[in-house]
N, C-alpha and C. Protein backbone atom coordinates (compact mmCIF):
# COMPACT_ATOMS: atom_id res chain seq x y z
N MET A 1 11.56 -54.50 71.33
CA MET A 1 13.07 -54.66 70.17
C MET A 1 12.50 -55.31 69.13
N GLN A 2 11.80 -56.30 69.27
CA GLN A 2 11.53 -57.16 67.70
C GLN A 2 11.17 -56.31 66.89
N GLN A 3 9.88 -55.49 67.73
CA GLN A 3 9.33 -54.54 66.82
C GLN A 3 10.00 -53.50 65.84
N GLN A 4 11.03 -52.72 66.69
CA GLN A 4 11.99 -51.64 65.84
C GLN A 4 12.80 -52.30 65.03
N LYS A 5 13.17 -53.89 64.96
CA LYS A 5 13.91 -53.92 64.00
C LYS A 5 13.09 -54.49 63.14
N LYS A 6 11.65 -55.31 63.11
CA LYS A 6 10.93 -55.15 61.64
C LYS A 6 10.51 -53.64 61.00
N LEU A 7 10.31 -52.52 61.76
CA LEU A 7 10.19 -51.45 61.16
C LEU A 7 11.39 -51.11 60.64
N ARG A 8 12.99 -51.41 60.85
CA ARG A 8 13.82 -50.76 60.62
C ARG A 8 14.31 -51.75 59.05
N ILE A 9 13.43 -52.95 58.90
CA ILE A 9 13.39 -53.93 57.81
C ILE A 9 12.77 -53.20 56.99
N LYS A 10 11.40 -52.71 57.17
CA LYS A 10 10.64 -51.96 56.48
C LYS A 10 11.42 -50.73 55.68
N ASP A 11 11.87 -50.26 56.79
CA ASP A 11 12.49 -48.81 56.08
C ASP A 11 13.64 -49.04 55.15
N ILE A 12 14.62 -50.13 55.42
CA ILE A 12 15.59 -50.69 54.60
C ILE A 12 14.51 -51.09 53.24
N ASP A 13 13.46 -51.51 52.99
CA ASP A 13 13.05 -51.87 51.75
C ASP A 13 12.83 -50.54 50.89
N LYS A 14 12.27 -49.71 52.07
CA LYS A 14 11.79 -48.48 51.17
C LYS A 14 13.23 -47.85 50.49
N GLN A 15 13.89 -47.73 51.33
CA GLN A 15 15.47 -46.87 51.12
C GLN A 15 15.87 -47.73 50.05
N VAL A 16 15.71 -49.25 49.78
CA VAL A 16 16.21 -49.64 48.70
C VAL A 16 15.72 -49.28 47.34
N ILE A 17 14.42 -49.04 47.10
CA ILE A 17 13.83 -49.02 46.14
C ILE A 17 14.20 -47.28 45.84
N LYS A 18 14.32 -46.44 46.73
CA LYS A 18 14.34 -45.31 46.74
C LYS A 18 16.10 -44.76 45.85
N ILE A 19 16.77 -46.09 46.24
CA ILE A 19 18.30 -45.81 45.78
C ILE A 19 18.19 -46.33 44.78
N SER A 20 17.40 -47.58 44.16
CA SER A 20 17.40 -48.10 42.79
C SER A 20 16.74 -46.92 41.85
N LEU A 21 15.72 -46.17 42.34
CA LEU A 21 15.06 -45.29 41.28
C LEU A 21 16.32 -44.08 41.21
N ILE A 22 17.19 -43.69 41.94
CA ILE A 22 17.79 -42.83 41.92
C ILE A 22 19.45 -43.21 40.89
N GLU A 23 19.24 -44.49 40.85
CA GLU A 23 20.34 -45.10 40.18
C GLU A 23 20.25 -45.16 39.15
N THR A 24 18.99 -45.45 38.50
CA THR A 24 18.39 -45.52 37.02
C THR A 24 18.91 -44.45 35.96
N PRO A 25 18.99 -43.29 36.39
CA PRO A 25 19.82 -42.30 35.25
C PRO A 25 21.20 -42.40 35.14
N GLY A 26 21.96 -43.28 36.21
CA GLY A 26 23.37 -43.77 35.99
C GLY A 26 23.40 -44.49 35.03
N SER A 27 22.42 -45.58 34.89
CA SER A 27 22.34 -46.91 33.98
C SER A 27 22.10 -46.04 32.55
N ILE A 28 21.02 -45.58 32.70
CA ILE A 28 20.98 -44.96 31.46
C ILE A 28 22.20 -44.09 30.53
N LEU A 29 22.33 -43.19 31.45
CA LEU A 29 23.95 -42.40 31.14
C LEU A 29 24.80 -43.35 30.65
N PHE A 30 25.51 -44.59 31.19
CA PHE A 30 26.28 -45.31 31.21
C PHE A 30 25.73 -46.16 29.69
N GLY A 31 24.79 -46.77 29.71
CA GLY A 31 24.41 -47.55 28.41
C GLY A 31 24.41 -46.34 27.20
N VAL A 32 24.26 -45.01 27.33
CA VAL A 32 23.87 -44.24 26.03
C VAL A 32 25.19 -43.85 25.89
N GLY A 33 26.50 -43.77 26.61
CA GLY A 33 27.57 -43.49 26.42
C GLY A 33 27.92 -44.60 25.91
N LEU A 34 28.09 -45.83 26.34
CA LEU A 34 28.74 -47.19 25.46
C LEU A 34 28.23 -47.22 24.17
N TYR A 35 26.99 -47.06 24.03
CA TYR A 35 26.30 -47.30 22.29
C TYR A 35 27.09 -45.88 21.92
N SER A 36 27.12 -45.18 22.07
CA SER A 36 27.55 -44.08 21.36
C SER A 36 29.01 -44.07 21.03
N LYS A 37 29.90 -44.70 22.06
CA LYS A 37 31.03 -44.97 21.84
C LYS A 37 31.26 -46.06 20.76
N PHE A 38 30.68 -47.02 20.87
CA PHE A 38 31.11 -48.20 19.94
C PHE A 38 30.16 -48.53 19.07
N VAL A 39 29.19 -47.79 18.86
CA VAL A 39 28.32 -47.97 17.49
C VAL A 39 28.75 -46.78 16.43
N ASP A 40 28.67 -46.54 15.58
CA ASP A 40 28.90 -46.55 14.37
C ASP A 40 28.75 -44.54 14.44
N ALA A 41 29.65 -43.94 14.81
CA ALA A 41 29.59 -42.22 15.11
C ALA A 41 28.89 -41.31 13.85
N ASP A 42 28.75 -41.96 12.63
CA ASP A 42 28.57 -40.90 11.75
C ASP A 42 26.87 -40.65 12.23
N ALA A 43 26.37 -41.05 12.84
CA ALA A 43 24.60 -41.01 13.21
C ALA A 43 24.79 -41.06 14.66
N PRO A 44 25.01 -40.11 15.37
CA PRO A 44 24.59 -40.14 17.09
C PRO A 44 23.38 -40.36 17.31
N ILE A 45 22.55 -40.74 18.27
CA ILE A 45 21.45 -40.53 18.86
C ILE A 45 21.29 -38.86 19.01
N LEU A 46 22.20 -38.40 19.55
CA LEU A 46 21.73 -36.58 19.68
C LEU A 46 23.11 -35.92 19.25
N PRO A 47 22.87 -34.94 19.01
CA PRO A 47 24.58 -34.00 18.34
C PRO A 47 25.69 -33.94 19.12
N PHE A 48 25.29 -33.74 20.59
CA PHE A 48 26.54 -33.26 21.63
C PHE A 48 27.18 -34.92 21.78
N LEU A 49 26.62 -35.62 21.34
CA LEU A 49 27.30 -37.30 21.20
C LEU A 49 28.53 -37.21 20.09
N GLN A 50 28.68 -36.54 19.43
CA GLN A 50 29.83 -36.57 18.66
C GLN A 50 30.96 -36.34 18.77
N ASP A 51 31.20 -35.51 20.63
CA ASP A 51 32.29 -35.36 20.89
C ASP A 51 33.02 -36.49 22.02
N GLN A 52 34.03 -36.85 21.96
CA GLN A 52 34.59 -38.08 22.63
C GLN A 52 34.83 -37.76 24.12
N ALA A 53 35.04 -36.44 24.34
CA ALA A 53 35.27 -36.21 25.45
C ALA A 53 33.93 -36.35 26.17
N VAL A 54 32.42 -35.56 25.87
CA VAL A 54 31.41 -35.42 26.00
C VAL A 54 31.34 -37.26 26.18
N VAL A 55 31.62 -38.07 25.53
CA VAL A 55 30.82 -39.40 25.53
C VAL A 55 31.74 -40.34 26.50
N ASN A 56 33.12 -39.57 26.84
CA ASN A 56 33.71 -40.37 28.17
C ASN A 56 32.77 -39.90 29.23
N SER A 57 32.77 -38.33 29.63
CA SER A 57 32.28 -38.18 30.79
C SER A 57 31.04 -38.69 30.87
N ILE A 58 30.15 -38.65 30.01
CA ILE A 58 28.87 -39.43 30.36
C ILE A 58 29.17 -40.98 31.06
N ILE A 59 29.91 -41.43 30.42
CA ILE A 59 30.30 -43.05 30.83
C ILE A 59 30.98 -42.94 31.99
N VAL A 60 31.84 -42.15 32.67
CA VAL A 60 32.13 -41.75 34.12
C VAL A 60 31.27 -41.82 34.88
N ILE A 61 30.40 -40.67 34.66
CA ILE A 61 29.23 -40.28 35.78
C ILE A 61 28.43 -41.53 35.63
N GLY A 62 27.88 -41.97 34.46
CA GLY A 62 27.18 -42.77 34.77
C GLY A 62 27.39 -44.50 35.40
N ALA A 63 28.64 -44.40 35.69
CA ALA A 63 29.76 -45.27 36.19
C ALA A 63 29.48 -45.19 37.46
N ALA A 64 29.50 -43.98 38.22
CA ALA A 64 30.06 -43.10 39.29
C ALA A 64 28.83 -43.54 39.91
N ILE A 65 27.58 -43.00 39.12
CA ILE A 65 26.29 -43.36 39.83
C ILE A 65 25.96 -44.58 40.25
N MET A 66 26.25 -45.82 39.35
CA MET A 66 25.63 -46.94 39.51
C MET A 66 26.73 -47.28 40.58
N LEU A 67 28.00 -47.42 40.74
CA LEU A 67 28.88 -47.68 41.89
C LEU A 67 28.23 -47.24 43.01
N TRP A 68 27.68 -45.99 43.45
CA TRP A 68 27.46 -45.79 44.41
C TRP A 68 26.21 -46.17 44.68
N GLY A 69 25.23 -46.48 43.66
CA GLY A 69 23.91 -47.08 44.26
C GLY A 69 24.43 -48.42 44.65
N THR A 70 24.94 -49.27 43.93
CA THR A 70 25.36 -50.42 44.23
C THR A 70 25.63 -50.91 45.69
N TYR A 71 26.67 -49.76 46.26
CA TYR A 71 27.52 -49.45 47.43
C TYR A 71 26.57 -49.59 48.24
N LYS A 72 25.22 -48.35 48.31
CA LYS A 72 24.59 -48.35 49.12
C LYS A 72 23.87 -49.34 49.11
N ILE A 73 23.03 -49.92 48.30
CA ILE A 73 22.24 -50.97 48.30
C ILE A 73 22.76 -52.16 48.78
N LEU A 74 24.17 -52.24 48.81
CA LEU A 74 24.84 -53.33 49.72
C LEU A 74 24.81 -53.40 50.71
N MET A 75 25.19 -52.22 51.50
CA MET A 75 25.33 -51.82 52.67
C MET A 75 23.67 -52.01 53.45
N LEU A 76 22.82 -51.90 52.83
CA LEU A 76 21.54 -51.99 53.49
C LEU A 76 21.21 -53.19 53.25
N LYS A 77 21.28 -53.94 52.28
CA LYS A 77 21.18 -55.69 52.44
C LYS A 77 21.67 -56.38 53.56
N LEU A 78 22.95 -56.00 53.70
CA LEU A 78 23.55 -56.17 54.68
C LEU A 78 23.19 -56.00 56.05
N GLU A 79 22.93 -54.92 56.50
CA GLU A 79 22.10 -54.30 57.65
C GLU A 79 20.92 -55.16 57.69
N LYS A 80 20.03 -55.38 56.75
CA LYS A 80 18.81 -56.20 56.58
C LYS A 80 18.89 -57.63 56.99
N SER A 81 20.14 -58.48 56.54
CA SER A 81 20.58 -59.91 56.83
C SER A 81 20.49 -59.89 58.34
N ARG A 82 21.62 -58.85 58.66
CA ARG A 82 21.63 -59.23 60.23
C ARG A 82 20.50 -58.75 60.90
N LEU A 83 19.67 -57.80 60.77
CA LEU A 83 18.59 -57.74 61.63
C LEU A 83 17.46 -58.92 61.52
N GLN A 84 17.38 -59.58 60.14
CA GLN A 84 16.65 -60.57 60.21
C GLN A 84 16.71 -61.90 60.98
N LYS A 85 18.30 -61.85 60.90
CA LYS A 85 19.08 -63.20 61.47
C LYS A 85 18.51 -62.94 63.49
N ALA A 86 18.70 -61.53 63.76
CA ALA A 86 18.53 -61.27 65.20
C ALA A 86 17.20 -60.84 65.77
N ALA A 87 16.17 -61.05 64.46
CA ALA A 87 15.04 -60.75 64.70
C ALA A 87 14.37 -62.41 64.61
N GLY A 88 14.70 -63.47 64.02
CA GLY A 88 14.12 -64.35 63.76
C GLY A 88 13.11 -64.83 62.76
N VAL A 89 13.26 -63.41 61.66
CA VAL A 89 12.47 -63.31 60.72
C VAL A 89 12.73 -64.02 59.60
């Protein structure tokens, strides 16, 4: 039983890393969107960032990906904490 808990803890650590990698593009989108929104619009990073609808969409999509990743990681960390207490690790 203890061995299963330790294996699950290792699996949780791997999942956290995987979710962090999946969440990275969301952070990049969010950052680019905020940069495009609040920096001088005369010289955007990319031409399609001149359209405010596109910029707003990028911000929303990036934020949604970040929120999803944060929620998933939080749930995994809570499970890991519970397993560590039960396993005495």
